[in-house]
C-alpha atoms as a PDB file:
ATOM      1  CA  MET A   1       0.003   0.006  -0.004  1.00  0.00           C
ATOM      2  CA  ILE A   2       2.880   2.433   0.854  1.00  0.00           C
ATOM      3  CA  ASN A   3       4.567   1.660  -2.470  1.00  0.00           C
ATOM      4  CA  THR A   4       1.225   2.385  -4.248  1.00  0.00           C
ATOM      5  CA  LEU A   5       0.983   5.704  -2.559  1.00  0.00           C
ATOM      6  CA  LEU A   6       4.551   6.594  -3.358  1.00  0.00           C
ATOM      7  CA  GLU A   7       3.854   5.714  -6.989  1.00  0.00           C
ATOM      8  CA  GLY A   8       0.855   7.995  -7.003  1.00  0.00           C
ATOM      9  CA  ILE A   9       2.947  10.779  -5.501  1.00  0.00           C
ATOM     10  CA  VAL A  10       5.635  10.424  -8.148  1.00  0.00           C
ATOM     11  CA  LEU A  11       2.934  10.570 -10.924  1.00  0.00           C
ATOM     12  CA  GLY A  12       1.538  13.711  -9.139  1.00  0.00           C
ATOM     13  CA  PHE A  13       4.854  15.479  -9.393  1.00  0.00           C
ATOM     14  CA  ALA A  14       5.136  14.546 -13.122  1.00  0.00           C
ATOM     15  CA  LEU A  15       1.666  15.728 -13.856  1.00  0.00           C
ATOM     16  CA  ALA A  16       2.164  18.959 -11.793  1.00  0.00           C
ATOM     17  CA  PHE A  17       4.814  20.115 -14.202  1.00  0.00           C
ATOM     18  CA  LEU A  18       3.191  19.021 -17.187  1.00  0.00           C
ATOM     19  CA  ILE A  19       3.205  22.014 -19.481  1.00  0.00           C
ATOM     20  CA  GLY A  20      -0.269  22.788 -20.803  1.00  0.00           C
ATOM     21  CA  PRO A  21      -2.979  25.417 -20.934  1.00  0.00           C
ATOM     22  CA  ALA A  22      -4.030  24.833 -17.263  1.00  0.00           C
ATOM     23  CA  PHE A  23      -0.370  25.327 -16.131  1.00  0.00           C
ATOM     24  CA  PHE A  24       0.138  28.683 -17.858  1.00  0.00           C
ATOM     25  CA  SER A  25      -3.313  29.934 -16.821  1.00  0.00           C
ATOM     26  CA  LEU A  26      -2.752  28.944 -13.230  1.00  0.00           C
ATOM     27  CA  ILE A  27       0.565  31.014 -13.187  1.00  0.00           C
ATOM     28  CA  GLN A  28      -1.084  33.913 -14.882  1.00  0.00           C
ATOM     29  CA  THR A  29      -4.066  33.981 -12.622  1.00  0.00           C
ATOM     30  CA  SER A  30      -1.849  33.853  -9.543  1.00  0.00           C
ATOM     31  CA  ILE A  31       0.326  36.621 -10.756  1.00  0.00           C
ATOM     32  CA  SER A  32      -2.529  38.947 -11.842  1.00  0.00           C
ATOM     33  CA  LYS A  33      -4.967  38.103  -8.962  1.00  0.00           C
ATOM     34  CA  GLY A  34      -2.933  36.767  -6.015  1.00  0.00           C
ATOM     35  CA  MET A  35      -2.447  33.432  -4.333  1.00  0.00           C
ATOM     36  CA  TYR A  36      -6.042  33.115  -3.020  1.00  0.00           C
ATOM     37  CA  THR A  37      -7.562  33.397  -6.463  1.00  0.00           C
ATOM     38  CA  GLY A  38      -4.865  31.227  -7.954  1.00  0.00           C
ATOM     39  CA  SER A  39      -5.817  28.625  -5.225  1.00  0.00           C
ATOM     40  CA  LEU A  40      -9.421  28.684  -6.359  1.00  0.00           C
ATOM     41  CA  PHE A  41      -8.247  28.095  -9.927  1.00  0.00           C
ATOM     42  CA  ALA A  42      -6.130  25.092  -8.625  1.00  0.00           C
ATOM     43  CA  ILE A  43      -9.167  23.720  -6.835  1.00  0.00           C
ATOM     44  CA  GLY A  44     -11.023  23.757 -10.125  1.00  0.00           C
ATOM     45  CA  ILE A  45      -8.245  21.877 -11.866  1.00  0.00           C
ATOM     46  CA  SER A  46      -8.110  19.216  -9.196  1.00  0.00           C
ATOM     47  CA  LEU A  47     -11.916  18.851  -9.193  1.00  0.00           C
ATOM     48  CA  SER A  48     -11.871  18.150 -12.922  1.00  0.00           C
ATOM     49  CA  ASP A  49      -9.026  15.677 -12.509  1.00  0.00           C
ATOM     50  CA  ILE A  50     -11.127  13.789  -9.993  1.00  0.00           C
ATOM     51  CA  VAL A  51     -14.135  13.768 -12.331  1.00  0.00           C
ATOM     52  CA  LEU A  52     -12.018  12.477 -15.084  1.00  0.00           C
ATOM     53  CA  ILE A  53     -10.600   9.773 -12.823  1.00  0.00           C
ATOM     54  CA  LEU A  54     -14.141   8.701 -11.989  1.00  0.00           C
ATOM     55  CA  LEU A  55     -15.237   8.650 -15.619  1.00  0.00           C
ATOM     56  CA  THR A  56     -12.192   6.651 -16.776  1.00  0.00           C
ATOM     57  CA  SER A  57     -12.640   4.237 -13.790  1.00  0.00           C
ATOM     58  CA  VAL A  58     -16.222   3.425 -14.516  1.00  0.00           C
ATOM     59  CA  GLY A  59     -15.556   2.974 -18.155  1.00  0.00           C
ATOM     60  CA  VAL A  60     -17.512   5.943 -19.413  1.00  0.00           C
ATOM     61  CA  THR A  61     -14.658   7.008 -21.704  1.00  0.00           C
ATOM     62  CA  GLN A  62     -15.285   3.907 -23.892  1.00  0.00           C
ATOM     63  CA  ILE A  63     -17.636   6.204 -25.676  1.00  0.00           C
ATOM     64  CA  ALA A  64     -14.652   8.434 -26.495  1.00  0.00           C
ATOM     65  CA  GLY A  65     -13.306   5.601 -28.677  1.00  0.00           C
ATOM     66  CA  GLU A  66     -15.971   6.560 -31.278  1.00  0.00           C
ATOM     67  CA  SER A  67     -14.594   8.751 -33.930  1.00  0.00           C
ATOM     68  CA  THR A  68     -17.565  11.057 -34.025  1.00  0.00           C
ATOM     69  CA  PHE A  69     -17.225  11.707 -30.329  1.00  0.00           C
ATOM     70  CA  GLN A  70     -13.474  12.314 -30.668  1.00  0.00           C
ATOM     71  CA  LEU A  71     -14.174  14.847 -33.444  1.00  0.00           C
ATOM     72  CA  LEU A  72     -16.907  16.673 -31.577  1.00  0.00           C
ATOM     73  CA  PHE A  73     -15.020  16.726 -28.198  1.00  0.00           C
ATOM     74  CA  GLY A  74     -11.831  17.903 -29.887  1.00  0.00           C
ATOM     75  CA  ILE A  75     -13.504  20.696 -31.759  1.00  0.00           C
ATOM     76  CA  ILE A  76     -15.353  21.825 -28.469  1.00  0.00           C
ATOM     77  CA  GLY A  77     -12.125  21.649 -26.452  1.00  0.00           C
ATOM     78  CA  SER A  78     -10.257  23.660 -29.141  1.00  0.00           C
ATOM     79  CA  ILE A  79     -12.949  26.406 -29.142  1.00  0.00           C
ATOM     80  CA  VAL A  80     -12.682  26.600 -25.313  1.00  0.00           C
ATOM     81  CA  LEU A  81      -8.908  26.951 -25.308  1.00  0.00           C
ATOM     82  CA  ILE A  82      -8.926  29.552 -28.108  1.00  0.00           C
ATOM     83  CA  SER A  83     -11.605  31.462 -26.358  1.00  0.00           C
ATOM     84  CA  PHE A  84      -9.695  31.624 -23.117  1.00  0.00           C
ATOM     85  CA  GLY A  85      -6.668  32.576 -25.064  1.00  0.00           C
ATOM     86  CA  ILE A  86      -8.404  35.462 -26.859  1.00  0.00           C
ATOM     87  CA  TYR A  87      -9.800  36.676 -23.550  1.00  0.00           C
ATOM     88  CA  THR A  88      -6.466  36.574 -21.705  1.00  0.00           C
ATOM     89  CA  TYR A  89      -4.709  38.100 -24.748  1.00  0.00           C
ATOM     90  CA  SER A  90      -7.032  41.082 -24.902  1.00  0.00           C
ATOM     91  CA  LYS A  91      -7.495  41.584 -21.109  1.00  0.00           C
ATOM     92  CA  LYS A  92      -6.334  44.998 -19.940  1.00  0.00           C
ATOM     93  CA  VAL A  93      -3.739  45.495 -17.294  1.00  0.00           C
ATOM     94  CA  ILE A  94      -4.974  47.702 -14.362  1.00  0.00           C
ATOM     95  CA  SER A  95      -2.460  49.682 -12.516  1.00  0.00           C
ATOM     96  CA  HIS A  96      -1.652  48.797  -8.808  1.00  0.00           C
ATOM     97  CA  GLN A  97      -3.257  51.995  -7.604  1.00  0.00           C
ATOM     98  CA  ALA A  98      -6.471  51.278  -9.478  1.00  0.00           C
ATOM     99  CA  LYS A  99      -6.381  47.771  -8.214  1.00  0.00           C
ATOM    100  CA  GLU A 100      -6.133  48.942  -4.683  1.00  0.00           C
ATOM    101  CA  ILE A 101      -9.088  51.387  -5.026  1.00  0.00           C
ATOM    102  CA  ASP A 102     -11.406  48.911  -6.689  1.00  0.00           C
ATOM    103  CA  LEU A 103     -10.293  45.884  -4.632  1.00  0.00           C
ATOM    104  CA  LYS A 104     -13.480  45.734  -2.425  1.00  0.00           C
ATOM    105  CA  ILE A 105     -15.733  46.113  -5.441  1.00  0.00           C
ATOM    106  CA  LYS A 106     -13.987  43.314  -7.385  1.00  0.00           C
ATOM    107  CA  ILE A 107     -14.106  41.018  -4.413  1.00  0.00           C
ATOM    108  CA  LYS A 108     -17.942  41.616  -4.013  1.00  0.00           C
ATOM    109  CA  ASN A 109     -18.586  41.290  -7.807  1.00  0.00           C
ATOM    110  CA  THR A 110     -16.472  38.240  -8.612  1.00  0.00           C
ATOM    111  CA  HIS A 111     -17.691  35.028  -7.003  1.00  0.00           C
ATOM    112  CA  PRO A 112     -15.101  32.514  -6.009  1.00  0.00           C
ATOM    113  CA  LEU A 113     -16.910  29.799  -8.003  1.00  0.00           C
ATOM    114  CA  ILE A 114     -16.078  31.656 -11.193  1.00  0.00           C
ATOM    115  CA  TYR A 115     -12.418  31.015 -10.855  1.00  0.00           C
ATOM    116  CA  ILE A 116     -13.054  27.452  -9.705  1.00  0.00           C
ATOM    117  CA  LEU A 117     -15.205  26.867 -12.789  1.00  0.00           C
ATOM    118  CA  LYS A 118     -12.620  28.458 -15.033  1.00  0.00           C
ATOM    119  CA  GLY A 119      -9.896  26.044 -13.752  1.00  0.00           C
ATOM    120  CA  PHE A 120     -12.343  23.159 -13.982  1.00  0.00           C
ATOM    121  CA  VAL A 121     -13.426  23.913 -17.614  1.00  0.00           C
ATOM    122  CA  LEU A 122      -9.895  24.663 -18.930  1.00  0.00           C
ATOM    123  CA  ASN A 123      -8.465  21.386 -17.671  1.00  0.00           C
ATOM    124  CA  PHE A 124     -11.589  19.398 -18.477  1.00  0.00           C
ATOM    125  CA  ALA A 125     -11.803  20.641 -22.047  1.00  0.00           C
ATOM    126  CA  ASN A 126      -8.216  19.447 -22.840  1.00  0.00           C
ATOM    127  CA  PRO A 127      -8.689  15.945 -24.579  1.00  0.00           C
ATOM    128  CA  PHE A 128      -5.024  15.121 -23.845  1.00  0.00           C
ATOM    129  CA  ILE A 129      -5.830  15.081 -20.064  1.00  0.00           C
ATOM    130  CA  TRP A 130      -8.710  12.666 -20.827  1.00  0.00           C
ATOM    131  CA  ILE A 131      -6.126  10.322 -22.759  1.00  0.00           C
ATOM    132  CA  PHE A 132      -3.689  10.621 -19.832  1.00  0.00           C
ATOM    133  CA  TRP A 133      -6.253   9.602 -17.142  1.00  0.00           C
ATOM    134  CA  LEU A 134      -7.602   6.836 -19.362  1.00  0.00           C
ATOM    135  CA  THR A 135      -4.108   5.460 -19.933  1.00  0.00           C
ATOM    136  CA  ILE A 136      -3.257   5.570 -16.151  1.00  0.00           C
ATOM    137  CA  ALA A 137      -6.594   3.949 -15.314  1.00  0.00           C
ATOM    138  CA  VAL A 138      -6.137   1.092 -17.817  1.00  0.00           C
ATOM    139  CA  THR A 139      -2.483   0.581 -16.660  1.00  0.00           C
ATOM    140  CA  LEU A 140      -3.389   0.654 -12.980  1.00  0.00           C
ATOM    141  CA  ASN A 141      -6.259  -1.830 -13.487  1.00  0.00           C
ATOM    142  CA  ALA A 142      -3.846  -4.369 -14.777  1.00  0.00           C
ATOM    143  CA  ARG A 143      -1.532  -3.962 -11.787  1.00  0.00           C
ATOM    144  CA  VAL A 144      -3.335  -3.245  -8.553  1.00  0.00           C
ATOM    145  CA  GLU A 145      -4.593  -6.043  -6.454  1.00  0.00           C
ATOM    146  CA  SER A 146      -7.548  -4.205  -4.655  1.00  0.00           C
ATOM    147  CA  THR A 147      -9.813  -1.245  -4.905  1.00  0.00           C
ATOM    148  CA  ASN A 148      -8.205   0.285  -1.889  1.00  0.00           C
ATOM    149  CA  SER A 149      -4.850   0.421  -3.647  1.00  0.00           C
ATOM    150  CA  TYR A 150      -6.493   1.905  -6.674  1.00  0.00           C
ATOM    151  CA  ILE A 151      -7.934   4.745  -4.391  1.00  0.00           C
ATOM    152  CA  VAL A 152      -4.679   5.267  -2.537  1.00  0.00           C
ATOM    153  CA  PHE A 153      -2.780   5.677  -5.758  1.00  0.00           C
ATOM    154  CA  PHE A 154      -5.083   8.373  -7.095  1.00  0.00           C
ATOM    155  CA  VAL A 155      -5.381  10.099  -3.746  1.00  0.00           C
ATOM    156  CA  GLY A 156      -1.672  10.397  -3.631  1.00  0.00           C
ATOM    157  CA  THR A 157      -1.508  11.717  -7.229  1.00  0.00           C
ATOM    158  CA  ILE A 158      -4.338  14.413  -6.845  1.00  0.00           C
ATOM    159  CA  ALA A 159      -3.027  15.559  -3.423  1.00  0.00           C
ATOM    160  CA  THR A 160       0.446  15.940  -4.845  1.00  0.00           C
ATOM    161  CA  VAL A 161      -0.854  17.912  -7.824  1.00  0.00           C
ATOM    162  CA  PHE A 162      -2.947  20.212  -5.696  1.00  0.00           C
ATOM    163  CA  LEU A 163      -0.235  20.899  -3.195  1.00  0.00           C
ATOM    164  CA  THR A 164       2.326  21.672  -6.011  1.00  0.00           C
ATOM    165  CA  ASP A 165      -0.247  23.907  -7.743  1.00  0.00           C
ATOM    166  CA  LEU A 166      -0.572  25.830  -4.326  1.00  0.00           C
ATOM    167  CA  LEU A 167       3.170  26.268  -4.200  1.00  0.00           C
ATOM    168  CA  LYS A 168       3.037  27.653  -7.859  1.00  0.00           C
ATOM    169  CA  CYS A 169       0.377  30.102  -6.621  1.00  0.00           C
ATOM    170  CA  PHE A 170       2.393  31.117  -3.600  1.00  0.00           C
ATOM    171  CA  ILE A 171       5.528  31.773  -5.705  1.00  0.00           C
ATOM    172  CA  ALA A 172       3.638  33.560  -8.268  1.00  0.00           C
ATOM    173  CA  GLY A 173       1.809  35.675  -5.655  1.00  0.00           C
ATOM    174  CA  LYS A 174       5.126  36.650  -4.115  1.00  0.00           C
ATOM    175  CA  ILE A 175       6.712  37.948  -7.277  1.00  0.00           C
ATOM    176  CA  LYS A 176       3.591  39.787  -8.209  1.00  0.00           C
ATOM    177  CA  SER A 177       4.691  43.001  -6.515  1.00  0.00           C
ATOM    178  CA  PHE A 178       7.911  43.090  -8.453  1.00  0.00           C
ATOM    179  CA  LEU A 179       6.123  42.934 -11.807  1.00  0.00           C
ATOM    180  CA  SER A 180       5.493  46.273 -13.648  1.00  0.00           C
ATOM    181  CA  ASN A 181       2.281  46.885 -15.603  1.00  0.00           C
ATOM    182  CA  LYS A 182       4.332  46.413 -18.755  1.00  0.00           C
ATOM    183  CA  MET A 183       5.531  43.082 -17.647  1.00  0.00           C
ATOM    184  CA  MET A 184       1.970  42.005 -16.732  1.00  0.00           C
ATOM    185  CA  PHE A 185       0.874  43.131 -20.192  1.00  0.00           C
ATOM    186  CA  ILE A 186       3.514  40.998 -21.690  1.00  0.00           C
ATOM    187  CA  ILE A 187       2.560  37.919 -19.581  1.00  0.00           C
ATOM    188  CA  ASN A 188      -0.998  38.302 -20.468  1.00  0.00           C
ATOM    189  CA  ARG A 189      -0.223  38.441 -24.137  1.00  0.00           C
ATOM    190  CA  GLY A 190       2.161  35.571 -23.898  1.00  0.00           C
ATOM    191  CA  VAL A 191      -0.308  33.327 -21.989  1.00  0.00           C
ATOM    192  CA  GLY A 192      -3.069  34.230 -24.370  1.00  0.00           C
ATOM    193  CA  LEU A 193      -0.936  33.345 -27.435  1.00  0.00           C
ATOM    194  CA  LEU A 194       0.020  29.996 -25.970  1.00  0.00           C
ATOM    195  CA  LEU A 195      -3.608  29.111 -25.196  1.00  0.00           C
ATOM    196  CA  ILE A 196      -4.522  30.106 -28.800  1.00  0.00           C
ATOM    197  CA  VAL A 197      -1.757  27.988 -30.137  1.00  0.00           C
ATOM    198  CA  PHE A 198      -2.701  25.045 -28.018  1.00  0.00           C
ATOM    199  CA  GLY A 199      -6.256  25.345 -29.227  1.00  0.00           C
ATOM    200  CA  LEU A 200      -5.214  25.570 -32.909  1.00  0.00           C
ATOM    201  CA  VAL A 201      -2.775  22.688 -32.652  1.00  0.00           C
ATOM    202  CA  LEU A 202      -5.495  20.638 -30.982  1.00  0.00           C
ATOM    203  CA  LEU A 203      -7.962  21.357 -33.720  1.00  0.00           C
ATOM    204  CA  VAL A 204      -5.516  20.509 -36.462  1.00  0.00           C
ATOM    205  CA  ARG A 205      -4.588  17.253 -34.882  1.00  0.00           C
ATOM    206  CA  VAL A 206      -8.339  16.396 -34.353  1.00  0.00           C
ATOM    207  CA  VAL A 207      -9.095  17.152 -38.020  1.00  0.00           C
ATOM    208  CA  LEU A 208      -6.101  15.226 -39.308  1.00  0.00           C
ATOM    209  CA  ASN A 209      -6.911  12.212 -37.156  1.00  0.00           C
ATOM    210  CA  ASN A 210     -10.424  12.055 -38.437  1.00  0.00           C
ATOM    211  CA  TYR A 211      -9.890  13.154 -41.985  1.00  0.00           C
ATOM    212  CA  PRO A 212      -6.347  12.101 -42.957  1.00  0.00           C
ATOM    213  CA  PHE A 213      -5.400  13.539 -46.407  1.00  0.00           C
END
């Protein structure tokens, strides 16, 4: 059981530093909004991972083997990533003074669930995360001896991912005060472009996989 937990923790560290849309958005959110908001985003990511683990474990993703579903899901995921990218790219940078003045208003108007939902959707809409968890679930089913070991493995993985995400939020929040508005503008543009590129690459791959030329 201990070995299974350790294996889950190792996988968690590997997944935590997997470069993808959620990774860049988590860092950007933590820098622009602070550790608290970044933590909410991280909760959304972990919740989506838990849902995906449950789906893959009960065999729901067998439907994903159908080409029609792959095409539809791939297109939807691409649109979500590109939309987030355009929003992030075009988002205006507010000066530190204006942020301090409008802080109370923003806290009242922005519900924490919004950031949780953003993290959930951005991670959930990435088909590569689905493939990742499906692969792990299939591999684990062939190895583990009991349901308890299966659960322990994934608990270790999700807990490690979440804790490392909190560490990213903490570090990003700390360097926030050292970043100028110009630097924040560049970061927003960079993250936005990366999300758009991820979405376009995903769309091209999905189309080529379903309609090879």
